[in-house]
C-alpha atoms as a PDB file:
ATOM      1  CA  MET A   1      22.346 -26.105  15.499  1.00  0.00           C
ATOM      2  CA  SER A   2      22.687 -25.451  11.881  1.00  0.00           C
ATOM      3  CA  GLU A   3      22.202 -21.855  10.545  1.00  0.00           C
ATOM      4  CA  GLU A   4      19.696 -21.967   7.273  1.00  0.00           C
ATOM      5  CA  LYS A   5      20.997 -19.931   4.528  1.00  0.00           C
ATOM      6  CA  GLN A   6      18.842 -16.766   3.973  1.00  0.00           C
ATOM      7  CA  ILE A   7      16.987 -16.808   0.663  1.00  0.00           C
ATOM      8  CA  ARG A   8      17.777 -14.143  -1.739  1.00  0.00           C
ATOM      9  CA  VAL A   9      15.050 -12.722  -4.115  1.00  0.00           C
ATOM     10  CA  LEU A  10      15.651 -10.024  -6.811  1.00  0.00           C
ATOM     11  CA  VAL A  11      12.419  -8.281  -7.416  1.00  0.00           C
ATOM     12  CA  SER A  12      12.150  -5.826 -10.346  1.00  0.00           C
ATOM     13  CA  LYS A  13       9.818  -3.824 -12.737  1.00  0.00           C
ATOM     14  CA  VAL A  14      10.819  -4.380 -16.257  1.00  0.00           C
ATOM     15  CA  GLY A  15       9.840  -2.177 -19.192  1.00  0.00           C
ATOM     16  CA  LEU A  16       7.786   0.941 -19.106  1.00  0.00           C
ATOM     17  CA  ASP A  17       5.277  -0.030 -16.256  1.00  0.00           C
ATOM     18  CA  GLY A  18       5.433   2.645 -13.721  1.00  0.00           C
ATOM     19  CA  HIS A  19       3.220   0.983 -11.251  1.00  0.00           C
ATOM     20  CA  ASP A  20       5.415   0.042  -8.090  1.00  0.00           C
ATOM     21  CA  LYS A  21       2.783  -0.285  -5.025  1.00  0.00           C
ATOM     22  CA  GLY A  22       2.018  -4.074  -5.874  1.00  0.00           C
ATOM     23  CA  VAL A  23       5.863  -5.057  -6.255  1.00  0.00           C
ATOM     24  CA  GLN A  24       6.777  -3.084  -2.837  1.00  0.00           C
ATOM     25  CA  LEU A  25       3.949  -4.977  -1.187  1.00  0.00           C
ATOM     26  CA  VAL A  26       5.456  -8.051  -2.457  1.00  0.00           C
ATOM     27  CA  ALA A  27       8.807  -7.286  -1.368  1.00  0.00           C
ATOM     28  CA  SER A  28       7.908  -6.270   2.035  1.00  0.00           C
ATOM     29  CA  ILE A  29       6.128  -9.743   2.407  1.00  0.00           C
ATOM     30  CA  LEU A  30       8.937 -11.679   1.365  1.00  0.00           C
ATOM     31  CA  ARG A  31      11.103  -9.444   3.861  1.00  0.00           C
ATOM     32  CA  ASP A  32       8.423 -10.473   6.795  1.00  0.00           C
ATOM     33  CA  ALA A  33       8.777 -14.115   5.741  1.00  0.00           C
ATOM     34  CA  GLY A  34      12.545 -13.714   6.355  1.00  0.00           C
ATOM     35  CA  MET A  35      14.056 -13.503   2.778  1.00  0.00           C
ATOM     36  CA  GLU A  36      16.380 -10.914   1.923  1.00  0.00           C
ATOM     37  CA  VAL A  37      15.017  -9.015  -1.023  1.00  0.00           C
ATOM     38  CA  ILE A  38      16.947  -6.707  -3.631  1.00  0.00           C
ATOM     39  CA  TYR A  39      14.442  -4.487  -5.451  1.00  0.00           C
ATOM     40  CA  THR A  40      15.837  -2.880  -8.539  1.00  0.00           C
ATOM     41  CA  GLY A  41      13.318  -0.428  -8.936  1.00  0.00           C
ATOM     42  CA  LEU A  42      11.191   0.831 -11.771  1.00  0.00           C
ATOM     43  CA  ARG A  43      11.866   0.741 -15.587  1.00  0.00           C
ATOM     44  CA  ARG A  44      14.865  -1.706 -15.824  1.00  0.00           C
ATOM     45  CA  THR A  45      15.783  -3.643 -18.616  1.00  0.00           C
ATOM     46  CA  PRO A  46      16.061  -7.549 -18.742  1.00  0.00           C
ATOM     47  CA  ASP A  47      19.935  -6.954 -19.105  1.00  0.00           C
ATOM     48  CA  GLN A  48      19.906  -4.897 -15.782  1.00  0.00           C
ATOM     49  CA  CYS A  49      17.879  -7.470 -14.211  1.00  0.00           C
ATOM     50  CA  ILE A  50      20.200 -10.447 -14.991  1.00  0.00           C
ATOM     51  CA  ASN A  51      23.344  -8.281 -14.217  1.00  0.00           C
ATOM     52  CA  THR A  52      21.837  -7.617 -10.829  1.00  0.00           C
ATOM     53  CA  ALA A  53      20.900 -11.140 -10.226  1.00  0.00           C
ATOM     54  CA  VAL A  54      24.534 -12.416 -11.170  1.00  0.00           C
ATOM     55  CA  GLN A  55      26.239  -9.759  -8.942  1.00  0.00           C
ATOM     56  CA  GLU A  56      23.829 -10.263  -6.123  1.00  0.00           C
ATOM     57  CA  ASP A  57      24.092 -14.090  -6.263  1.00  0.00           C
ATOM     58  CA  VAL A  58      20.135 -14.323  -5.879  1.00  0.00           C
ATOM     59  CA  ASP A  59      18.184 -17.663  -5.688  1.00  0.00           C
ATOM     60  CA  VAL A  60      15.050 -16.482  -7.157  1.00  0.00           C
ATOM     61  CA  ILE A  61      14.413 -13.573  -9.785  1.00  0.00           C
ATOM     62  CA  GLY A  62      11.013 -12.111  -9.782  1.00  0.00           C
ATOM     63  CA  LEU A  63       9.472  -9.754 -12.164  1.00  0.00           C
ATOM     64  CA  SER A  64       6.090  -7.562 -11.574  1.00  0.00           C
ATOM     65  CA  ILE A  65       4.463  -7.071 -14.841  1.00  0.00           C
ATOM     66  CA  LEU A  66       1.428  -4.962 -15.463  1.00  0.00           C
ATOM     67  CA  SER A  67       1.979  -3.559 -18.936  1.00  0.00           C
ATOM     68  CA  GLY A  68       1.078  -6.593 -20.718  1.00  0.00           C
ATOM     69  CA  ALA A  69       4.508  -7.265 -22.143  1.00  0.00           C
ATOM     70  CA  HIS A  70       4.975 -10.437 -20.259  1.00  0.00           C
ATOM     71  CA  LEU A  71       5.438 -12.935 -22.941  1.00  0.00           C
ATOM     72  CA  THR A  72       8.156 -10.532 -24.766  1.00  0.00           C
ATOM     73  CA  ILE A  73       9.947  -9.731 -21.425  1.00  0.00           C
ATOM     74  CA  ALA A  74      10.029 -13.371 -19.970  1.00  0.00           C
ATOM     75  CA  SER A  75      11.207 -14.663 -23.233  1.00  0.00           C
ATOM     76  CA  LYS A  76      14.228 -12.158 -23.212  1.00  0.00           C
ATOM     77  CA  MET A  77      14.707 -12.872 -19.458  1.00  0.00           C
ATOM     78  CA  VAL A  78      14.939 -16.730 -20.071  1.00  0.00           C
ATOM     79  CA  ALA A  79      17.346 -16.281 -23.135  1.00  0.00           C
ATOM     80  CA  LEU A  80      19.756 -13.998 -20.907  1.00  0.00           C
ATOM     81  CA  MET A  81      19.638 -16.317 -17.950  1.00  0.00           C
ATOM     82  CA  GLU A  82      20.683 -19.214 -20.393  1.00  0.00           C
ATOM     83  CA  LYS A  83      23.383 -16.686 -21.824  1.00  0.00           C
ATOM     84  CA  ASN A  84      24.537 -16.051 -18.372  1.00  0.00           C
ATOM     85  CA  ASN A  85      24.283 -19.724 -17.155  1.00  0.00           C
ATOM     86  CA  ILE A  86      21.911 -18.894 -14.320  1.00  0.00           C
ATOM     87  CA  THR A  87      19.120 -21.242 -15.359  1.00  0.00           C
ATOM     88  CA  ASP A  88      19.284 -22.768 -11.897  1.00  0.00           C
ATOM     89  CA  LYS A  89      17.895 -19.698 -10.303  1.00  0.00           C
ATOM     90  CA  ILE A  90      13.878 -19.737  -9.894  1.00  0.00           C
ATOM     91  CA  PHE A  91      12.158 -17.471 -12.208  1.00  0.00           C
ATOM     92  CA  ILE A  92       8.784 -15.972 -11.183  1.00  0.00           C
ATOM     93  CA  ILE A  93       6.388 -13.354 -12.515  1.00  0.00           C
ATOM     94  CA  GLY A  94       3.539 -11.692 -10.856  1.00  0.00           C
ATOM     95  CA  GLY A  95       1.050  -9.227 -12.028  1.00  0.00           C
ATOM     96  CA  VAL A  96      -1.886  -8.802 -14.289  1.00  0.00           C
ATOM     97  CA  ILE A  97      -1.482 -12.003 -16.445  1.00  0.00           C
ATOM     98  CA  PRO A  98      -4.220 -13.602 -18.431  1.00  0.00           C
ATOM     99  CA  ASP A  99      -5.102 -17.116 -17.576  1.00  0.00           C
ATOM    100  CA  GLU A 100      -4.428 -18.113 -21.273  1.00  0.00           C
ATOM    101  CA  ASP A 101      -0.712 -16.922 -21.129  1.00  0.00           C
ATOM    102  CA  ILE A 102       0.267 -18.944 -18.340  1.00  0.00           C
ATOM    103  CA  PRO A 103       1.071 -22.291 -19.850  1.00  0.00           C
ATOM    104  CA  LYS A 104       2.891 -20.367 -22.703  1.00  0.00           C
ATOM    105  CA  LEU A 105       5.092 -18.626 -19.910  1.00  0.00           C
ATOM    106  CA  LYS A 106       5.599 -22.008 -18.091  1.00  0.00           C
ATOM    107  CA  ASP A 107       6.567 -23.545 -21.412  1.00  0.00           C
ATOM    108  CA  MET A 108       9.143 -20.568 -21.845  1.00  0.00           C
ATOM    109  CA  GLY A 109      10.787 -21.569 -18.449  1.00  0.00           C
ATOM    110  CA  VAL A 110       9.279 -19.389 -15.984  1.00  0.00           C
ATOM    111  CA  ASN A 111       8.728 -21.661 -12.748  1.00  0.00           C
ATOM    112  CA  ALA A 112       5.599 -19.958 -11.373  1.00  0.00           C
ATOM    113  CA  ILE A 113       3.138 -17.185 -12.106  1.00  0.00           C
ATOM    114  CA  PHE A 114       1.338 -15.256  -9.567  1.00  0.00           C
ATOM    115  CA  THR A 115      -1.621 -13.152 -10.624  1.00  0.00           C
ATOM    116  CA  GLN A 116      -3.235 -10.323  -8.829  1.00  0.00           C
ATOM    117  CA  SER A 117      -5.840 -13.038  -7.130  1.00  0.00           C
ATOM    118  CA  SER A 118      -2.781 -15.265  -6.034  1.00  0.00           C
ATOM    119  CA  ASN A 119      -2.387 -15.825  -2.468  1.00  0.00           C
ATOM    120  CA  ASN A 120       0.558 -14.097  -0.695  1.00  0.00           C
ATOM    121  CA  GLU A 121       1.255 -17.263   1.296  1.00  0.00           C
ATOM    122  CA  ASP A 122       1.240 -19.508  -1.556  1.00  0.00           C
ATOM    123  CA  MET A 123       4.047 -17.546  -3.257  1.00  0.00           C
ATOM    124  CA  VAL A 124       6.013 -17.467   0.092  1.00  0.00           C
ATOM    125  CA  GLN A 125       5.714 -21.269   0.417  1.00  0.00           C
ATOM    126  CA  PHE A 126       6.316 -21.832  -3.453  1.00  0.00           C
ATOM    127  CA  ILE A 127       9.909 -19.819  -2.977  1.00  0.00           C
ATOM    128  CA  ARG A 128      10.723 -21.842   0.399  1.00  0.00           C
ATOM    129  CA  ASP A 129      10.029 -25.244  -1.438  1.00  0.00           C
ATOM    130  CA  ALA A 130      11.602 -24.149  -4.770  1.00  0.00           C
ATOM    131  CA  VAL A 131      14.869 -23.110  -3.210  1.00  0.00           C
END
């Protein structure tokens, strides 16, 4: 019997957004689904997230954004992922994201966007399928 590699997910709050209840819930859901979760905490920079993703050799980089800065932050993250040669990692964003911004985020290179109305099981399944 072969042992499956545990999926490693980095979750972070980037920028000045100080609300972390949702990201803590997501981290708990992913852990309960058998994933290893590295939570970086509040008020991180894109550089800090990418550095942690590289150091921890994660499969997925997930950001929780409630501040409205999702387009700016996503653009910086994608550029840093390219610079650090980690574009093979799955990049997801969750939070308060207007529907009209979802295609823009996907065009930038975000693999999936989970809004406040997303289903937790869908998020878990997306990560499993993508990894």
